Protein backbone atom coordinates (compact mmCIF):
# COMPACT_ATOMS: atom_id res chain seq x y z
CA MET A 1 -4.50 8.37 -20.40
CA SER A 2 -7.76 8.37 -22.29
CA LYS A 3 -10.79 10.34 -21.15
CA LYS A 4 -12.80 7.13 -21.30
CA ALA A 5 -10.35 5.37 -18.95
CA GLN A 6 -10.60 8.27 -16.50
CA ALA A 7 -14.41 8.29 -16.71
CA LEU A 8 -14.58 4.52 -16.13
CA ALA A 9 -12.19 4.74 -13.15
CA SER A 10 -14.17 7.60 -11.61
CA ALA A 11 -17.45 5.71 -12.06
CA ILE A 12 -15.94 2.59 -10.47
CA ALA A 13 -14.52 4.58 -7.55
CA SER A 14 -17.75 6.42 -6.80
CA GLU A 15 -19.87 3.26 -6.95
CA LEU A 16 -17.44 1.22 -4.84
CA ALA A 17 -17.26 4.00 -2.24
CA ILE A 18 -21.00 3.61 -1.73
CA ARG A 19 -21.11 -0.20 -1.89
CA LEU A 20 -18.08 -0.77 0.38
CA LYS A 21 -18.89 1.90 2.98
CA PRO A 22 -20.61 -0.65 5.28
CA ALA A 23 -17.41 -2.75 5.22
CA GLY A 24 -15.37 0.31 6.22
CA LEU A 25 -13.13 0.17 3.15
CA ALA A 26 -11.77 3.44 1.79
CA VAL A 27 -11.79 3.99 -1.98
CA VAL A 28 -9.22 6.38 -3.45
CA GLU A 29 -8.51 7.45 -7.04
CA ASP A 30 -4.87 7.68 -8.09
CA THR A 31 -2.69 7.60 -11.20
CA ALA A 32 -0.12 4.95 -12.17
CA ALA A 33 3.39 5.76 -13.40
CA ASP A 34 2.17 5.23 -16.98
CA LEU A 35 -0.52 7.91 -16.31
CA MET A 36 -3.38 5.41 -16.39
CA PRO A 37 -6.06 5.83 -13.70
CA LEU A 38 -6.05 3.64 -10.61
CA VAL A 39 -8.68 2.94 -7.98
CA LYS A 40 -7.31 1.77 -4.63
CA VAL A 41 -9.64 -0.09 -2.30
CA GLY A 42 -8.76 -0.66 1.35
CA PRO A 43 -5.54 0.12 3.26
CA GLN A 44 -3.21 -1.38 0.59
CA THR A 45 -1.21 -3.39 3.14
CA ALA A 46 -0.33 -7.08 3.06
CA GLY A 47 -3.05 -9.33 4.48
CA SER A 48 -5.71 -6.61 4.39
CA LYS A 49 -8.94 -6.39 2.42
CA SER A 50 -7.38 -4.40 -0.41
CA ALA A 51 -7.73 -4.27 -4.16
CA LEU A 52 -6.06 -2.29 -6.92
CA ILE A 53 -8.02 -1.47 -10.06
CA LYS A 54 -6.35 -0.11 -13.20
CA VAL A 55 -8.27 1.08 -16.26
CA LEU A 56 -6.61 1.40 -19.67
CA PRO A 57 -7.31 1.03 -23.39
CA GLN A 58 -6.92 -2.47 -24.78
CA ASP A 59 -3.64 -3.12 -26.57
CA TRP A 60 -3.67 -2.53 -30.30
CA PRO A 61 0.00 -2.73 -31.35
CA LEU A 62 -0.66 -2.79 -35.10
CA ALA A 63 -2.63 0.46 -35.21
CA LYS A 64 -0.75 3.24 -37.05
CA ASP A 65 -1.75 6.78 -37.88
CA ILE A 66 -1.25 8.46 -41.27
CA LEU A 67 2.41 9.15 -40.43
CA GLY A 68 3.10 5.52 -39.53
CA LEU A 69 3.33 6.30 -35.82
CA ALA A 70 1.48 4.47 -33.07
CA ALA A 71 -2.15 5.55 -33.32
CA THR A 72 -4.18 7.02 -30.49
CA ILE A 73 -6.59 4.31 -29.38
CA PHE A 74 -10.25 5.24 -28.97
CA GLY A 75 -11.63 1.73 -28.75
CA PRO A 76 -12.48 -0.74 -26.02
CA HIS A 77 -10.90 -0.58 -22.60
CA LYS A 78 -9.88 -3.16 -20.02
CA ILE A 79 -10.16 -3.12 -16.27
CA GLN A 80 -7.43 -4.91 -14.36
CA VAL A 81 -8.15 -5.93 -10.75
CA VAL A 82 -5.36 -7.08 -8.43
CA LEU A 83 -6.20 -9.03 -5.27
CA GLU A 84 -3.89 -10.68 -2.75
CA SER A 85 -3.75 -14.50 -2.80
CA ASN A 86 -5.01 -16.50 0.15
CA PRO A 87 -2.38 -16.85 2.90
CA SER A 88 -3.15 -20.56 3.29
CA ALA A 89 -5.33 -23.23 1.77
CA GLY A 90 -8.66 -24.21 3.23
CA ALA A 91 -11.89 -22.67 4.38
CA GLY A 92 -11.73 -19.26 5.98
CA ALA A 93 -8.40 -18.41 4.39
CA ASP A 94 -9.83 -15.87 1.95
CA ILE A 95 -8.73 -12.30 2.59
CA HIS A 96 -11.88 -10.91 0.98
CA ALA A 97 -15.24 -12.18 2.16
CA MET A 98 -17.99 -12.31 -0.44
CA ASP A 99 -19.45 -9.05 0.89
CA THR A 100 -16.36 -7.19 -0.36
CA LEU A 101 -15.21 -9.38 -3.24
CA LEU A 102 -18.54 -9.49 -5.07
CA PRO A 103 -19.05 -5.70 -5.23
CA ILE A 104 -15.50 -5.15 -6.50
CA LEU A 105 -15.78 -7.71 -9.30
CA ALA A 106 -19.42 -6.98 -10.18
CA VAL A 107 -18.98 -3.22 -10.44
CA CYS A 108 -15.96 -3.71 -12.71
CA ALA A 109 -17.63 -6.39 -14.85
CA LEU A 110 -20.74 -4.29 -15.42
CA LYS A 111 -18.77 -1.40 -16.94
CA GLY A 112 -18.71 -3.13 -20.34
CA ALA A 113 -14.93 -3.47 -20.55
CA ARG A 114 -12.71 -6.54 -20.57
CA LEU A 115 -12.12 -7.61 -16.97
CA GLU A 116 -8.77 -9.16 -16.01
CA VAL A 117 -8.26 -10.47 -12.45
CA TYR A 118 -4.73 -10.84 -11.09
CA GLN A 119 -3.49 -12.14 -7.73
CA SER A 120 -0.39 -10.97 -5.93
CA ALA A 121 1.60 -13.44 -3.86
CA ALA A 122 0.28 -14.21 -0.38
CA GLY A 123 1.78 -11.83 2.16
CA ASN A 124 2.43 -9.07 -0.41
CA SER A 125 0.31 -5.97 -0.69
CA VAL A 126 -1.38 -5.45 -4.04
CA GLY A 127 0.36 -3.19 -6.56
CA VAL A 128 0.71 -2.31 -10.21
CA GLU A 129 3.80 -4.53 -10.36
CA ASP A 130 1.49 -7.55 -9.88
CA ILE A 131 -0.13 -6.97 -13.29
CA VAL A 132 1.95 -9.55 -15.15
CA SER A 133 0.88 -12.56 -17.21
CA GLY A 134 1.98 -15.04 -14.52
CA ASN A 135 -0.47 -13.51 -12.02
CA LEU A 136 -3.45 -13.42 -14.41
CA LYS A 137 -6.11 -15.72 -12.95
CA ALA A 138 -9.26 -14.95 -14.94
CA THR A 139 -10.51 -12.89 -17.87
CA PHE A 140 -14.09 -11.92 -18.61
CA ASP A 141 -15.17 -10.29 -21.89
CA ASN A 142 -18.53 -8.63 -21.43
CA LEU A 143 -19.45 -8.81 -25.11
CA HIS A 144 -22.99 -7.56 -24.57
CA GLY A 145 -21.76 -4.37 -22.92
CA MET A 146 -18.76 -3.70 -25.15
CA ILE A 147 -20.69 -1.29 -27.39
CA GLY A 148 -21.24 1.07 -24.48
CA ASN A 149 -17.54 0.95 -23.71
CA GLN A 150 -16.43 2.71 -26.89
């Protein structure tokens, strides 16, 4: 885990705790199995207003150190947000109303990192296992803010 990833996750958690307090959603910091920081929003149960946020350095597989080993990455980070898919099509089917969805996405997008939004299957609680290419729904590169991310 990088110090920058931990700092970004802590900043996201503290800001979301304030912004989502009126909605009654708890915000908790945690650590994933790969030791990257997580921010858990809501009760983390299927069908609930929950989100999982993971912060980690962007992949840089070609970077090598002087010994030819994988280099420690000090560059840009990415923020991965996992939300549960709608249980059914049509109006009113969204699990998150705009008053909870907008703060989650806006706070993450304004941190100057690459934002990746994933959706778990309907009826499944959000989890780290949902961060796979098939669940990736949108990516946002905040190029203006990337300098502050390093």
